[in-house]
Amino acid sequence: MAFTTVTLSGTFKSPDDVASNGTITFQLTQPMKDTAGNQIATRVPVKKVLSSGAFSVDLYANDDTGVTPTGVTYEVTEEIDGIYRNYFISLSKDTTTVNLADL
């Protein structure tokens, strides 16, 4: 079984409705192994530059059946309009497209 791909998107705007500038980076907290498909998802960071305040990125789900270890998440690092923020998210195999604002 291959990793399930989830398309994650989002839009950043200032309080006065102006499109934000910056980057958003996603990095797995640990490598994920799919032994059935003989694949390893590495911890290489995926960095996206906002375009008119928006981004879209394809990432692997964190909860595929047979993938180890369990409990792996993505560390998200935002640098939006000069402000940094870090947090963690999980992406479900049951949702192939998701907006960051809904997590």
PDB file of N, CA and C in Angstrom:
ATOM      1  N   MET A   1       0.840  -1.184   0.000  1.00  0.00           N
ATOM      2  CA  MET A   1       0.000   0.000   0.000  1.00  0.00           C
ATOM      3  C   MET A   1       0.882   1.243   0.000  1.00  0.00           C
ATOM      4  N   ALA A   2       0.592   2.200  -0.835  1.00  0.00           N
ATOM      5  CA  ALA A   2       1.355   3.445  -0.887  1.00  0.00           C
ATOM      6  C   ALA A   2       0.801   4.437   0.120  1.00  0.00           C
ATOM      7  N   PHE A   3       1.576   5.450   0.421  1.00  0.00           N
ATOM      8  CA  PHE A   3       1.097   6.518   1.294  1.00  0.00           C
ATOM      9  C   PHE A   3      -0.082   7.239   0.647  1.00  0.00           C
ATOM     10  N   THR A   4      -1.062   7.619   1.442  1.00  0.00           N
ATOM     11  CA  THR A   4      -2.188   8.410   0.959  1.00  0.00           C
ATOM     12  C   THR A   4      -1.774   9.876   0.916  1.00  0.00           C
ATOM     13  N   THR A   5      -2.033  10.540  -0.213  1.00  0.00           N
ATOM     14  CA  THR A   5      -1.695  11.955  -0.367  1.00  0.00           C
ATOM     15  C   THR A   5      -2.889  12.819   0.016  1.00  0.00           C
ATOM     16  N   VAL A   6      -2.612  13.837   0.800  1.00  0.00           N
ATOM     17  CA  VAL A   6      -3.623  14.807   1.220  1.00  0.00           C
ATOM     18  C   VAL A   6      -3.200  16.172   0.684  1.00  0.00           C
ATOM     19  N   THR A   7      -4.126  16.870   0.019  1.00  0.00           N
ATOM     20  CA  THR A   7      -3.847  18.224  -0.445  1.00  0.00           C
ATOM     21  C   THR A   7      -4.286  19.200   0.640  1.00  0.00           C
ATOM     22  N   LEU A   8      -3.314  19.933   1.168  1.00  0.00           N
ATOM     23  CA  LEU A   8      -3.557  20.913   2.222  1.00  0.00           C
ATOM     24  C   LEU A   8      -3.425  22.305   1.606  1.00  0.00           C
ATOM     25  N   SER A   9      -4.389  23.164   1.872  1.00  0.00           N
ATOM     26  CA  SER A   9      -4.338  24.529   1.335  1.00  0.00           C
ATOM     27  C   SER A   9      -4.719  25.515   2.419  1.00  0.00           C
ATOM     28  N   GLY A  10      -4.480  26.791   2.131  1.00  0.00           N
ATOM     29  CA  GLY A  10      -4.850  27.829   3.081  1.00  0.00           C
ATOM     30  C   GLY A  10      -4.618  29.196   2.497  1.00  0.00           C
ATOM     31  N   THR A  11      -5.226  30.183   3.110  1.00  0.00           N
ATOM     32  CA  THR A  11      -5.078  31.571   2.698  1.00  0.00           C
ATOM     33  C   THR A  11      -4.869  32.428   3.934  1.00  0.00           C
ATOM     34  N   PHE A  12      -3.884  33.316   3.858  1.00  0.00           N
ATOM     35  CA  PHE A  12      -3.570  34.215   4.958  1.00  0.00           C
ATOM     36  C   PHE A  12      -3.859  35.648   4.524  1.00  0.00           C
ATOM     37  N   LYS A  13      -4.571  36.378   5.376  1.00  0.00           N
ATOM     38  CA  LYS A  13      -4.888  37.788   5.121  1.00  0.00           C
ATOM     39  C   LYS A  13      -4.710  38.588   6.401  1.00  0.00           C
ATOM     40  N   SER A  14      -4.365  39.854   6.234  1.00  0.00           N
ATOM     41  CA  SER A  14      -4.253  40.750   7.385  1.00  0.00           C
ATOM     42  C   SER A  14      -5.657  41.123   7.858  1.00  0.00           C
ATOM     43  N   PRO A  15      -5.760  41.706   9.045  1.00  0.00           N
ATOM     44  CA  PRO A  15      -7.085  42.107   9.544  1.00  0.00           C
ATOM     45  C   PRO A  15      -7.815  43.086   8.631  1.00  0.00           C
ATOM     46  N   ASP A  16      -7.058  43.825   7.802  1.00  0.00           N
ATOM     47  CA  ASP A  16      -7.719  44.751   6.873  1.00  0.00           C
ATOM     48  C   ASP A  16      -7.880  44.146   5.479  1.00  0.00           C
ATOM     49  N   ASP A  17      -7.887  42.798   5.419  1.00  0.00           N
ATOM     50  CA  ASP A  17      -8.210  42.033   4.209  1.00  0.00           C
ATOM     51  C   ASP A  17      -7.165  42.137   3.090  1.00  0.00           C
ATOM     52  N   VAL A  18      -5.903  42.349   3.454  1.00  0.00           N
ATOM     53  CA  VAL A  18      -4.814  42.388   2.483  1.00  0.00           C
ATOM     54  C   VAL A  18      -4.117  41.029   2.496  1.00  0.00           C
ATOM     55  N   ALA A  19      -3.803  40.499   1.304  1.00  0.00           N
ATOM     56  CA  ALA A  19      -3.117  39.203   1.214  1.00  0.00           C
ATOM     57  C   ALA A  19      -1.763  39.265   1.913  1.00  0.00           C
ATOM     58  N   SER A  20      -1.494  38.281   2.757  1.00  0.00           N
ATOM     59  CA  SER A  20      -0.241  38.225   3.499  1.00  0.00           C
ATOM     60  C   SER A  20       0.899  37.720   2.628  1.00  0.00           C
ATOM     61  N   ASN A  21       2.125  38.023   3.061  1.00  0.00           N
ATOM     62  CA  ASN A  21       3.344  37.528   2.427  1.00  0.00           C
ATOM     63  C   ASN A  21       4.070  36.637   3.410  1.00  0.00           C
ATOM     64  N   GLY A  22       4.815  35.664   2.877  1.00  0.00           N
ATOM     65  CA  GLY A  22       5.624  34.835   3.750  1.00  0.00           C
ATOM     66  C   GLY A  22       5.755  33.412   3.262  1.00  0.00           C
ATOM     67  N   THR A  23       6.145  32.547   4.193  1.00  0.00           N
ATOM     68  CA  THR A  23       6.349  31.134   3.884  1.00  0.00           C
ATOM     69  C   THR A  23       5.708  30.279   4.962  1.00  0.00           C
ATOM     70  N   ILE A  24       5.442  29.036   4.587  1.00  0.00           N
ATOM     71  CA  ILE A  24       4.943  28.042   5.530  1.00  0.00           C
ATOM     72  C   ILE A  24       5.693  26.741   5.244  1.00  0.00           C
ATOM     73  N   THR A  25       6.234  26.128   6.295  1.00  0.00           N
ATOM     74  CA  THR A  25       7.065  24.932   6.150  1.00  0.00           C
ATOM     75  C   THR A  25       6.459  23.779   6.946  1.00  0.00           C
ATOM     76  N   PHE A  26       6.478  22.599   6.340  1.00  0.00           N
ATOM     77  CA  PHE A  26       5.953  21.376   6.951  1.00  0.00           C
ATOM     78  C   PHE A  26       7.074  20.363   7.062  1.00  0.00           C
ATOM     79  N   GLN A  27       7.221  19.747   8.244  1.00  0.00           N
ATOM     80  CA  GLN A  27       8.251  18.732   8.438  1.00  0.00           C
ATOM     81  C   GLN A  27       7.727  17.639   9.356  1.00  0.00           C
ATOM     82  N   LEU A  28       7.840  16.391   8.906  1.00  0.00           N
ATOM     83  CA  LEU A  28       7.441  15.261   9.750  1.00  0.00           C
ATOM     84  C   LEU A  28       8.268  15.250  11.027  1.00  0.00           C
ATOM     85  N   THR A  29       7.647  14.851  12.142  1.00  0.00           N
ATOM     86  CA  THR A  29       8.377  14.762  13.399  1.00  0.00           C
ATOM     87  C   THR A  29       9.276  13.533  13.454  1.00  0.00           C
ATOM     88  N   GLN A  30       8.972  12.522  12.626  1.00  0.00           N
ATOM     89  CA  GLN A  30       9.793  11.312  12.482  1.00  0.00           C
ATOM     90  C   GLN A  30       9.587  10.788  11.064  1.00  0.00           C
ATOM     91  N   PRO A  31      10.543  10.027  10.516  1.00  0.00           N
ATOM     92  CA  PRO A  31      10.269   9.370   9.234  1.00  0.00           C
ATOM     93  C   PRO A  31       9.121   8.372   9.401  1.00  0.00           C
ATOM     94  N   MET A  32       8.322   8.203   8.365  1.00  0.00           N
ATOM     95  CA  MET A  32       7.243   7.207   8.380  1.00  0.00           C
ATOM     96  C   MET A  32       7.608   6.085   7.421  1.00  0.00           C
ATOM     97  N   LYS A  33       7.349   4.846   7.848  1.00  0.00           N
ATOM     98  CA  LYS A  33       7.666   3.669   7.035  1.00  0.00           C
ATOM     99  C   LYS A  33       6.396   2.946   6.617  1.00  0.00           C
ATOM    100  N   ASP A  34       6.293   2.672   5.337  1.00  0.00           N
ATOM    101  CA  ASP A  34       5.204   1.860   4.792  1.00  0.00           C
ATOM    102  C   ASP A  34       5.838   0.544   4.351  1.00  0.00           C
ATOM    103  N   THR A  35       5.776  -0.460   5.232  1.00  0.00           N
ATOM    104  CA  THR A  35       6.469  -1.720   4.939  1.00  0.00           C
ATOM    105  C   THR A  35       5.818  -2.484   3.796  1.00  0.00           C
ATOM    106  N   ALA A  36       4.503  -2.361   3.620  1.00  0.00           N
ATOM    107  CA  ALA A  36       3.823  -3.068   2.528  1.00  0.00           C
ATOM    108  C   ALA A  36       4.241  -2.501   1.173  1.00  0.00           C
ATOM    109  N   GLY A  37       4.414  -1.192   1.099  1.00  0.00           N
ATOM    110  CA  GLY A  37       4.803  -0.558  -0.160  1.00  0.00           C
ATOM    111  C   GLY A  37       6.295  -0.323  -0.276  1.00  0.00           C
ATOM    112  N   ASN A  38       7.040  -0.736   0.766  1.00  0.00           N
ATOM    113  CA  ASN A  38       8.492  -0.572   0.790  1.00  0.00           C
ATOM    114  C   ASN A  38       8.918   0.870   0.524  1.00  0.00           C
ATOM    115  N   GLN A  39       8.291   1.810   1.260  1.00  0.00           N
ATOM    116  CA  GLN A  39       8.595   3.229   1.107  1.00  0.00           C
ATOM    117  C   GLN A  39       8.883   3.844   2.468  1.00  0.00           C
ATOM    118  N   ILE A  40       9.694   4.902   2.458  1.00  0.00           N
ATOM    119  CA  ILE A  40       9.964   5.678   3.663  1.00  0.00           C
ATOM    120  C   ILE A  40       9.737   7.147   3.328  1.00  0.00           C
ATOM    121  N   ALA A  41       8.902   7.823   4.112  1.00  0.00           N
ATOM    122  CA  ALA A  41       8.717   9.262   3.983  1.00  0.00           C
ATOM    123  C   ALA A  41       9.736   9.930   4.905  1.00  0.00           C
ATOM    124  N   THR A  42      10.622  10.727   4.352  1.00  0.00           N
ATOM    125  CA  THR A  42      11.703  11.332   5.130  1.00  0.00           C
ATOM    126  C   THR A  42      11.249  12.624   5.811  1.00  0.00           C
ATOM    127  N   ARG A  43      12.121  13.171   6.625  1.00  0.00           N
ATOM    128  CA  ARG A  43      11.840  14.402   7.366  1.00  0.00           C
ATOM    129  C   ARG A  43      12.282  15.653   6.612  1.00  0.00           C
ATOM    130  N   VAL A  44      12.522  15.555   5.323  1.00  0.00           N
ATOM    131  CA  VAL A  44      12.945  16.730   4.554  1.00  0.00           C
ATOM    132  C   VAL A  44      11.832  17.785   4.623  1.00  0.00           C
ATOM    133  N   PRO A  45      12.156  19.021   5.033  1.00  0.00           N
ATOM    134  CA  PRO A  45      11.133  20.059   5.124  1.00  0.00           C
ATOM    135  C   PRO A  45      10.553  20.410   3.752  1.00  0.00           C
ATOM    136  N   VAL A  46       9.259  20.696   3.729  1.00  0.00           N
ATOM    137  CA  VAL A  46       8.563  21.136   2.518  1.00  0.00           C
ATOM    138  C   VAL A  46       8.165  22.588   2.768  1.00  0.00           C
ATOM    139  N   LYS A  47       8.787  23.515   2.013  1.00  0.00           N
ATOM    140  CA  LYS A  47       8.559  24.943   2.220  1.00  0.00           C
ATOM    141  C   LYS A  47       7.769  25.518   1.048  1.00  0.00           C
ATOM    142  N   LYS A  48       6.705  26.241   1.366  1.00  0.00           N
ATOM    143  CA  LYS A  48       5.866  26.869   0.345  1.00  0.00           C
ATOM    144  C   LYS A  48       5.879  28.389   0.556  1.00  0.00           C
ATOM    145  N   VAL A  49       5.998  29.119  -0.547  1.00  0.00           N
ATOM    146  CA  VAL A  49       5.918  30.576  -0.521  1.00  0.00           C
ATOM    147  C   VAL A  49       4.473  30.962  -0.822  1.00  0.00           C
ATOM    148  N   LEU A  50       3.927  31.862  -0.022  1.00  0.00           N
ATOM    149  CA  LEU A  50       2.557  32.315  -0.261  1.00  0.00           C
ATOM    150  C   LEU A  50       2.483  33.081  -1.576  1.00  0.00           C
ATOM    151  N   SER A  51       1.437  32.819  -2.329  1.00  0.00           N
ATOM    152  CA  SER A  51       1.158  33.530  -3.574  1.00  0.00           C
ATOM    153  C   SER A  51      -0.201  34.202  -3.411  1.00  0.00           C
ATOM    154  N   SER A  52      -0.210  35.527  -3.375  1.00  0.00           N
ATOM    155  CA  SER A  52      -1.438  36.275  -3.085  1.00  0.00           C
ATOM    156  C   SER A  52      -2.056  35.806  -1.764  1.00  0.00           C
ATOM    157  N   GLY A  53      -1.192  35.460  -0.820  1.00  0.00           N
ATOM    158  CA  GLY A  53      -1.628  35.034   0.500  1.00  0.00           C
ATOM    159  C   GLY A  53      -1.983  33.559   0.621  1.00  0.00           C
ATOM    160  N   ALA A  54      -1.928  32.820  -0.493  1.00  0.00           N
ATOM    161  CA  ALA A  54      -2.399  31.427  -0.486  1.00  0.00           C
ATOM    162  C   ALA A  54      -1.271  30.427  -0.742  1.00  0.00           C
ATOM    163  N   PHE A  55      -1.523  29.179  -0.314  1.00  0.00           N
ATOM    164  CA  PHE A  55      -0.609  28.065  -0.598  1.00  0.00           C
ATOM    165  C   PHE A  55      -1.431  26.805  -0.816  1.00  0.00           C
ATOM    166  N   SER A  56      -0.807  25.839  -1.454  1.00  0.00           N
ATOM    167  CA  SER A  56      -1.355  24.493  -1.596  1.00  0.00           C
ATOM    168  C   SER A  56      -0.181  23.538  -1.646  1.00  0.00           C
ATOM    169  N   VAL A  57      -0.313  22.415  -0.949  1.00  0.00           N
ATOM    170  CA  VAL A  57       0.778  21.452  -0.888  1.00  0.00           C
ATOM    171  C   VAL A  57       0.207  20.045  -0.731  1.00  0.00           C
ATOM    172  N   ASP A  58       0.845  19.074  -1.360  1.00  0.00           N
ATOM    173  CA  ASP A  58       0.484  17.665  -1.194  1.00  0.00           C
ATOM    174  C   ASP A  58       1.417  17.047  -0.166  1.00  0.00           C
ATOM    175  N   LEU A  59       0.829  16.479   0.880  1.00  0.00           N
ATOM    176  CA  LEU A  59       1.580  15.827   1.950  1.00  0.00           C
ATOM    177  C   LEU A  59       0.992  14.447   2.194  1.00  0.00           C
ATOM    178  N   TYR A  60       1.753  13.584   2.881  1.00  0.00           N
ATOM    179  CA  TYR A  60       1.260  12.249   3.202  1.00  0.00           C
ATOM    180  C   TYR A  60       0.390  12.274   4.465  1.00  0.00           C
ATOM    181  N   ALA A  61      -0.652  11.459   4.470  1.00  0.00           N
ATOM    182  CA  ALA A  61      -1.482  11.290   5.666  1.00  0.00           C
ATOM    183  C   ALA A  61      -0.636  10.687   6.778  1.00  0.00           C
ATOM    184  N   ASN A  62      -0.985  11.010   8.024  1.00  0.00           N
ATOM    185  CA  ASN A  62      -0.237  10.503   9.171  1.00  0.00           C
ATOM    186  C   ASN A  62      -0.807   9.218   9.745  1.00  0.00           C
ATOM    187  N   ASP A  63      -1.949   8.751   9.217  1.00  0.00           N
ATOM    188  CA  ASP A  63      -2.628   7.624   9.859  1.00  0.00           C
ATOM    189  C   ASP A  63      -2.920   6.454   8.921  1.00  0.00           C
ATOM    190  N   ASP A  64      -2.121   6.299   7.877  1.00  0.00           N
ATOM    191  CA  ASP A  64      -2.336   5.167   6.969  1.00  0.00           C
ATOM    192  C   ASP A  64      -2.177   3.841   7.702  1.00  0.00           C
ATOM    193  N   THR A  65      -2.994   2.866   7.337  1.00  0.00           N
ATOM    194  CA  THR A  65      -2.906   1.530   7.900  1.00  0.00           C
ATOM    195  C   THR A  65      -1.566   0.905   7.538  1.00  0.00           C
ATOM    196  N   GLY A  66      -0.892   0.334   8.516  1.00  0.00           N
ATOM    197  CA  GLY A  66       0.369  -0.341   8.267  1.00  0.00           C
ATOM    198  C   GLY A  66       1.577   0.565   8.255  1.00  0.00           C
ATOM    199  N   VAL A  67       1.387   1.852   8.495  1.00  0.00           N
ATOM    200  CA  VAL A  67       2.515   2.790   8.516  1.00  0.00           C
ATOM    201  C   VAL A  67       2.995   2.934   9.956  1.00  0.00           C
ATOM    202  N   THR A  68       4.302   2.889  10.135  1.00  0.00           N
ATOM    203  CA  THR A  68       4.904   3.043  11.456  1.00  0.00           C
ATOM    204  C   THR A  68       5.941   4.154  11.414  1.00  0.00           C
ATOM    205  N   PRO A  69       6.239   4.751  12.552  1.00  0.00           N
ATOM    206  CA  PRO A  69       5.553   4.592  13.827  1.00  0.00           C
ATOM    207  C   PRO A  69       4.225   5.346  13.818  1.00  0.00           C
ATOM    208  N   THR A  70       3.355   5.008  14.744  1.00  0.00           N
ATOM    209  CA  THR A  70       2.105   5.749  14.873  1.00  0.00           C
ATOM    210  C   THR A  70       2.387   7.031  15.661  1.00  0.00           C
ATOM    211  N   GLY A  71       1.500   7.988  15.539  1.00  0.00           N
ATOM    212  CA  GLY A  71       1.635   9.229  16.296  1.00  0.00           C
ATOM    213  C   GLY A  71       2.523  10.283  15.663  1.00  0.00           C
ATOM    214  N   VAL A  72       2.986  10.043  14.441  1.00  0.00           N
ATOM    215  CA  VAL A  72       3.818  11.029  13.745  1.00  0.00           C
ATOM    216  C   VAL A  72       2.928  12.200  13.313  1.00  0.00           C
ATOM    217  N   THR A  73       3.427  13.410  13.475  1.00  0.00           N
ATOM    218  CA  THR A  73       2.706  14.610  13.063  1.00  0.00           C
ATOM    219  C   THR A  73       3.612  15.464  12.179  1.00  0.00           C
ATOM    220  N   TYR A  74       3.062  16.553  11.668  1.00  0.00           N
ATOM    221  CA  TYR A  74       3.851  17.547  10.948  1.00  0.00           C
ATOM    222  C   TYR A  74       4.080  18.745  11.858  1.00  0.00           C
ATOM    223  N   GLU A  75       5.327  19.185  11.952  1.00  0.00           N
ATOM    224  CA  GLU A  75       5.598  20.462  12.587  1.00  0.00           C
ATOM    225  C   GLU A  75       5.417  21.525  11.515  1.00  0.00           C
ATOM    226  N   VAL A  76       4.624  22.525  11.813  1.00  0.00           N
ATOM    227  CA  VAL A  76       4.351  23.613  10.876  1.00  0.00           C
ATOM    228  C   VAL A  76       5.044  24.864  11.395  1.00  0.00           C
ATOM    229  N   THR A  77       5.818  25.506  10.516  1.00  0.00           N
ATOM    230  CA  THR A  77       6.468  26.765  10.854  1.00  0.00           C
ATOM    231  C   THR A  77       5.988  27.828   9.888  1.00  0.00           C
ATOM    232  N   GLU A  78       5.312  28.819  10.415  1.00  0.00           N
ATOM    233  CA  GLU A  78       4.832  29.937   9.610  1.00  0.00           C
ATOM    234  C   GLU A  78       5.754  31.134   9.798  1.00  0.00           C
ATOM    235  N   GLU A  79       6.074  31.792   8.717  1.00  0.00           N
ATOM    236  CA  GLU A  79       6.689  33.116   8.757  1.00  0.00           C
ATOM    237  C   GLU A  79       5.785  33.981   7.885  1.00  0.00           C
ATOM    238  N   ILE A  80       4.809  34.589   8.503  1.00  0.00           N
ATOM    239  CA  ILE A  80       3.780  35.337   7.792  1.00  0.00           C
ATOM    240  C   ILE A  80       3.857  36.802   8.216  1.00  0.00           C
ATOM    241  N   ASP A  81       4.081  37.667   7.240  1.00  0.00           N
ATOM    242  CA  ASP A  81       4.174  39.116   7.497  1.00  0.00           C
ATOM    243  C   ASP A  81       5.144  39.423   8.634  1.00  0.00           C
ATOM    244  N   GLY A  82       6.267  38.673   8.667  1.00  0.00           N
ATOM    245  CA  GLY A  82       7.317  38.912   9.650  1.00  0.00           C
ATOM    246  C   GLY A  82       7.068  38.311  11.018  1.00  0.00           C
ATOM    247  N   ILE A  83       5.982  37.574  11.179  1.00  0.00           N
ATOM    248  CA  ILE A  83       5.672  36.952  12.472  1.00  0.00           C
ATOM    249  C   ILE A  83       5.832  35.440  12.354  1.00  0.00           C
ATOM    250  N   TYR A  84       6.555  34.849  13.313  1.00  0.00           N
ATOM    251  CA  TYR A  84       6.806  33.404  13.323  1.00  0.00           C
ATOM    252  C   TYR A  84       5.828  32.707  14.263  1.00  0.00           C
ATOM    253  N   ARG A  85       5.421  31.509  13.841  1.00  0.00           N
ATOM    254  CA  ARG A  85       4.542  30.687  14.686  1.00  0.00           C
ATOM    255  C   ARG A  85       4.825  29.230  14.375  1.00  0.00           C
ATOM    256  N   ASN A  86       4.892  28.375  15.404  1.00  0.00           N
ATOM    257  CA  ASN A  86       5.095  26.931  15.257  1.00  0.00           C
ATOM    258  C   ASN A  86       3.950  26.190  15.923  1.00  0.00           C
ATOM    259  N   TYR A  87       3.523  25.089  15.285  1.00  0.00           N
ATOM    260  CA  TYR A  87       2.493  24.227  15.850  1.00  0.00           C
ATOM    261  C   TYR A  87       2.540  22.887  15.119  1.00  0.00           C
ATOM    262  N   PHE A  88       1.725  21.931  15.544  1.00  0.00           N
ATOM    263  CA  PHE A  88       1.732  20.584  14.985  1.00  0.00           C
ATOM    264  C   PHE A  88       0.349  20.232  14.450  1.00  0.00           C
ATOM    265  N   ILE A  89       0.326  19.490  13.319  1.00  0.00           N
ATOM    266  CA  ILE A  89      -0.939  19.029  12.739  1.00  0.00           C
ATOM    267  C   ILE A  89      -0.821  17.570  12.341  1.00  0.00           C
ATOM    268  N   SER A  90      -1.974  16.911  12.234  1.00  0.00           N
ATOM    269  CA  SER A  90      -2.069  15.558  11.674  1.00  0.00           C
ATOM    270  C   SER A  90      -3.017  15.609  10.487  1.00  0.00           C
ATOM    271  N   LEU A  91      -2.722  14.804   9.475  1.00  0.00           N
ATOM    272  CA  LEU A  91      -3.562  14.725   8.283  1.00  0.00           C
ATOM    273  C   LEU A  91      -4.122  13.321   8.167  1.00  0.00           C
ATOM    274  N   SER A  92      -5.433  13.217   8.004  1.00  0.00           N
ATOM    275  CA  SER A  92      -6.107  11.924   7.961  1.00  0.00           C
ATOM    276  C   SER A  92      -6.197  11.370   6.542  1.00  0.00           C
ATOM    277  N   LYS A  93      -6.045  10.075   6.435  1.00  0.00           N
ATOM    278  CA  LYS A  93      -6.198   9.385   5.147  1.00  0.00           C
ATOM    279  C   LYS A  93      -7.629   9.473   4.629  1.00  0.00           C
ATOM    280  N   ASP A  94      -8.566   9.777   5.508  1.00  0.00           N
ATOM    281  CA  ASP A  94      -9.982   9.831   5.142  1.00  0.00           C
ATOM    282  C   ASP A  94     -10.396  11.154   4.514  1.00  0.00           C
ATOM    283  N   THR A  95      -9.497  12.137   4.517  1.00  0.00           N
ATOM    284  CA  THR A  95      -9.797  13.449   3.930  1.00  0.00           C
ATOM    285  C   THR A  95      -8.696  13.792   2.939  1.00  0.00           C
ATOM    286  N   THR A  96      -9.002  13.725   1.657  1.00  0.00           N
ATOM    287  CA  THR A  96      -7.955  13.939   0.642  1.00  0.00           C
ATOM    288  C   THR A  96      -7.676  15.410   0.362  1.00  0.00           C
ATOM    289  N   THR A  97      -8.589  16.307   0.730  1.00  0.00           N
ATOM    290  CA  THR A  97      -8.327  17.747   0.643  1.00  0.00           C
ATOM    291  C   THR A  97      -8.791  18.392   1.944  1.00  0.00           C
ATOM    292  N   VAL A  98      -7.999  19.322   2.452  1.00  0.00           N
ATOM    293  CA  VAL A  98      -8.345  19.988   3.713  1.00  0.00           C
ATOM    294  C   VAL A  98      -7.764  21.391   3.707  1.00  0.00           C
ATOM    295  N   ASN A  99      -8.488  22.319   4.336  1.00  0.00           N
ATOM    296  CA  ASN A  99      -8.012  23.682   4.491  1.00  0.00           C
ATOM    297  C   ASN A  99      -7.368  23.792   5.876  1.00  0.00           C
ATOM    298  N   LEU A 100      -6.228  24.440   5.931  1.00  0.00           N
ATOM    299  CA  LEU A 100      -5.509  24.581   7.193  1.00  0.00           C
ATOM    300  C   LEU A 100      -6.387  25.228   8.271  1.00  0.00           C
ATOM    301  N   ALA A 101      -7.250  26.149   7.892  1.00  0.00           N
ATOM    302  CA  ALA A 101      -8.127  26.809   8.858  1.00  0.00           C
ATOM    303  C   ALA A 101      -9.123  25.847   9.503  1.00  0.00           C
ATOM    304  N   ASP A 102      -9.333  24.679   8.900  1.00  0.00           N
ATOM    305  CA  ASP A 102     -10.269  23.695   9.448  1.00  0.00           C
ATOM    306  C   ASP A 102      -9.605  22.710  10.411  1.00  0.00           C
ATOM    307  N   LEU A 103      -8.304  22.791  10.568  1.00  0.00           N
ATOM    308  CA  LEU A 103      -7.596  21.859  11.471  1.00  0.00           C
ATOM    309  C   LEU A 103      -7.506  22.421  12.874  1.00  0.00           C
TER     310      LEU A 103
END
